[in-house]
C-alpha atoms as a PDB file:
ATOM      1  CA  MET A   1      19.406 -19.016  66.284  1.00  0.00           C
ATOM      2  CA  HIS A   2      18.872 -22.115  68.726  1.00  0.00           C
ATOM      3  CA  HIS A   3      20.626 -20.492  71.540  1.00  0.00           C
ATOM      4  CA  ARG A   4      18.441 -20.205  74.596  1.00  0.00           C
ATOM      5  CA  THR A   5      18.559 -18.017  77.538  1.00  0.00           C
ATOM      6  CA  PRO A   6      18.749 -19.648  81.300  1.00  0.00           C
ATOM      7  CA  ASP A   7      14.895 -19.389  81.575  1.00  0.00           C
ATOM      8  CA  GLY A   8      14.581 -21.566  78.228  1.00  0.00           C
ATOM      9  CA  ARG A   9      13.625 -19.075  75.883  1.00  0.00           C
ATOM     10  CA  TYR A  10      15.243 -18.076  72.587  1.00  0.00           C
ATOM     11  CA  LEU A  11      17.836 -15.495  72.683  1.00  0.00           C
ATOM     12  CA  VAL A  12      16.950 -14.272  69.306  1.00  0.00           C
ATOM     13  CA  THR A  13      13.250 -13.512  69.029  1.00  0.00           C
ATOM     14  CA  ARG A  14      13.034 -10.467  66.505  1.00  0.00           C
ATOM     15  CA  LYS A  15      14.513  -9.700  63.268  1.00  0.00           C
ATOM     16  CA  VAL A  16      16.042  -6.623  64.723  1.00  0.00           C
ATOM     17  CA  HIS A  17      18.510  -8.699  66.576  1.00  0.00           C
ATOM     18  CA  TRP A  18      20.289  -9.501  63.352  1.00  0.00           C
ATOM     19  CA  GLN A  19      21.693  -6.069  63.885  1.00  0.00           C
ATOM     20  CA  ALA A  20      23.685  -7.230  66.458  1.00  0.00           C
ATOM     21  CA  VAL A  21      24.846 -10.079  64.410  1.00  0.00           C
ATOM     22  CA  TYR A  22      25.697  -7.682  61.481  1.00  0.00           C
ATOM     23  CA  ARG A  23      27.568  -5.548  64.123  1.00  0.00           C
ATOM     24  CA  VAL A  24      29.865  -8.396  65.708  1.00  0.00           C
ATOM     25  CA  LEU A  25      30.416  -9.967  62.274  1.00  0.00           C
ATOM     26  CA  VAL A  26      31.719  -6.535  60.893  1.00  0.00           C
ATOM     27  CA  ASP A  27      33.852  -5.749  64.202  1.00  0.00           C
ATOM     28  CA  GLU A  28      35.293  -9.113  64.156  1.00  0.00           C
ATOM     29  CA  GLY A  29      36.049  -8.948  60.131  1.00  0.00           C
ATOM     30  CA  TRP A  30      33.715 -11.748  59.330  1.00  0.00           C
ATOM     31  CA  TYR A  31      31.853  -9.406  57.172  1.00  0.00           C
ATOM     32  CA  ASP A  32      32.880  -6.550  54.905  1.00  0.00           C
ATOM     33  CA  ALA A  33      30.677  -3.625  55.633  1.00  0.00           C
ATOM     34  CA  SER A  34      31.562  -2.066  52.205  1.00  0.00           C
ATOM     35  CA  LEU A  35      29.351  -5.070  50.766  1.00  0.00           C
ATOM     36  CA  GLY A  36      26.294  -3.222  52.277  1.00  0.00           C
ATOM     37  CA  TYR A  37      23.187  -4.298  54.107  1.00  0.00           C
ATOM     38  CA  ALA A  38      21.728  -6.136  51.283  1.00  0.00           C
ATOM     39  CA  GLY A  39      25.076  -7.983  50.848  1.00  0.00           C
ATOM     40  CA  PHE A  40      24.925  -8.971  54.448  1.00  0.00           C
ATOM     41  CA  VAL A  41      21.188 -10.430  54.144  1.00  0.00           C
ATOM     42  CA  ASP A  42      22.294 -12.133  50.872  1.00  0.00           C
ATOM     43  CA  TYR A  43      25.227 -13.755  52.853  1.00  0.00           C
ATOM     44  CA  ILE A  44      23.028 -14.902  55.729  1.00  0.00           C
ATOM     45  CA  ARG A  45      20.598 -16.376  53.182  1.00  0.00           C
ATOM     46  CA  SER A  46      23.714 -18.214  51.612  1.00  0.00           C
ATOM     47  CA  VAL A  47      25.064 -19.731  54.714  1.00  0.00           C
ATOM     48  CA  ALA A  48      21.357 -20.601  56.134  1.00  0.00           C
ATOM     49  CA  PRO A  49      20.338 -24.059  56.840  1.00  0.00           C
ATOM     50  CA  PRO A  50      17.938 -25.672  54.105  1.00  0.00           C
ATOM     51  CA  GLY A  51      14.623 -23.982  54.951  1.00  0.00           C
ATOM     52  CA  GLY A  52      16.418 -21.153  56.488  1.00  0.00           C
ATOM     53  CA  PHE A  53      16.872 -19.785  59.883  1.00  0.00           C
ATOM     54  CA  ARG A  54      14.191 -19.754  62.356  1.00  0.00           C
ATOM     55  CA  ILE A  55      13.989 -15.733  61.876  1.00  0.00           C
ATOM     56  CA  MET A  56      15.460 -14.640  58.592  1.00  0.00           C
ATOM     57  CA  PRO A  57      16.902 -11.095  58.440  1.00  0.00           C
ATOM     58  CA  ASP A  58      15.687  -8.507  55.860  1.00  0.00           C
ATOM     59  CA  VAL A  59      17.313  -5.459  54.349  1.00  0.00           C
ATOM     60  CA  GLU A  60      15.197  -2.733  55.838  1.00  0.00           C
ATOM     61  CA  THR A  61      15.646  -4.236  59.245  1.00  0.00           C
ATOM     62  CA  ILE A  62      19.640  -4.327  58.898  1.00  0.00           C
ATOM     63  CA  ARG A  63      19.461  -0.805  57.572  1.00  0.00           C
ATOM     64  CA  HIS A  64      17.803   0.586  60.455  1.00  0.00           C
ATOM     65  CA  ILE A  65      21.040   0.091  62.552  1.00  0.00           C
ATOM     66  CA  SER A  66      22.565   2.996  60.808  1.00  0.00           C
ATOM     67  CA  GLN A  67      19.949   5.276  62.979  1.00  0.00           C
ATOM     68  CA  THR A  68      20.588   3.266  66.165  1.00  0.00           C
ATOM     69  CA  LEU A  69      23.400   3.017  69.038  1.00  0.00           C
ATOM     70  CA  TYR A  70      24.229  -0.333  67.335  1.00  0.00           C
ATOM     71  CA  ALA A  71      25.931   1.295  64.351  1.00  0.00           C
ATOM     72  CA  ARG A  72      28.872   1.807  66.697  1.00  0.00           C
ATOM     73  CA  PRO A  73      31.518  -0.913  67.347  1.00  0.00           C
ATOM     74  CA  PHE A  74      30.144  -3.268  69.632  1.00  0.00           C
ATOM     75  CA  ARG A  75      32.826  -2.436  72.525  1.00  0.00           C
ATOM     76  CA  ASP A  76      31.533   1.271  72.108  1.00  0.00           C
ATOM     77  CA  TRP A  77      27.850   0.338  73.062  1.00  0.00           C
ATOM     78  CA  ARG A  78      26.179   2.061  76.049  1.00  0.00           C
ATOM     79  CA  TYR A  79      22.816   2.316  76.856  1.00  0.00           C
ATOM     80  CA  ASP A  80      21.294   5.875  75.917  1.00  0.00           C
ATOM     81  CA  ALA A  81      17.587   6.485  76.516  1.00  0.00           C
ATOM     82  CA  ALA A  82      18.104   9.234  74.063  1.00  0.00           C
ATOM     83  CA  TYR A  83      17.877   6.714  71.273  1.00  0.00           C
ATOM     84  CA  GLY A  84      14.451   5.708  72.154  1.00  0.00           C
ATOM     85  CA  THR A  85      15.368   2.258  73.118  1.00  0.00           C
ATOM     86  CA  LYS A  86      14.135   0.547  76.325  1.00  0.00           C
ATOM     87  CA  ARG A  87      16.536  -0.685  78.618  1.00  0.00           C
ATOM     88  CA  TRP A  88      15.376  -4.360  78.570  1.00  0.00           C
ATOM     89  CA  ALA A  89      15.572  -4.052  74.227  1.00  0.00           C
ATOM     90  CA  TYR A  90      19.157  -3.016  74.703  1.00  0.00           C
ATOM     91  CA  GLU A  91      20.097  -5.723  77.330  1.00  0.00           C
ATOM     92  CA  ARG A  92      18.658  -8.165  74.836  1.00  0.00           C
ATOM     93  CA  MET A  93      20.709  -6.943  71.997  1.00  0.00           C
ATOM     94  CA  ARG A  94      23.674  -6.800  73.937  1.00  0.00           C
ATOM     95  CA  ALA A  95      23.065 -10.573  74.982  1.00  0.00           C
ATOM     96  CA  VAL A  96      22.870 -11.594  71.366  1.00  0.00           C
ATOM     97  CA  ALA A  97      25.946  -9.722  70.486  1.00  0.00           C
ATOM     98  CA  GLU A  98      27.949 -11.303  73.568  1.00  0.00           C
ATOM     99  CA  ALA A  99      26.448 -14.638  72.504  1.00  0.00           C
ATOM    100  CA  LEU A 100      27.779 -14.686  68.920  1.00  0.00           C
ATOM    101  CA  MET A 101      31.178 -13.326  70.119  1.00  0.00           C
ATOM    102  CA  THR A 102      31.574 -16.363  72.659  1.00  0.00           C
ATOM    103  CA  PHE A 103      30.197 -18.636  69.715  1.00  0.00           C
ATOM    104  CA  LEU A 104      33.114 -16.862  67.431  1.00  0.00           C
ATOM    105  CA  GLU A 105      35.878 -17.655  69.845  1.00  0.00           C
ATOM    106  CA  GLU A 106      35.114 -21.241  70.202  1.00  0.00           C
END
């Protein structure tokens, strides 16, 4: 949550970025998708520091992933305007996922 872009802004700036976190944690085996979106939100709340993360997830935001290109495994993400996503929004989501993957490898 505190990771910043090279220009000093936070990388995670919207609840929707939790979709990237969900996808990476599922892909990498850190979270069991069969537990569902509500289970994921409960899991994040259980590992959050006291007072929560700067931006907390909610079930509806995470559930929305099933209607987007982010429902695919991260390795299969490709920008497609047909999903109604702006290119900059896709690039930010991808950057969130890539940053998390880097943290998990450390």
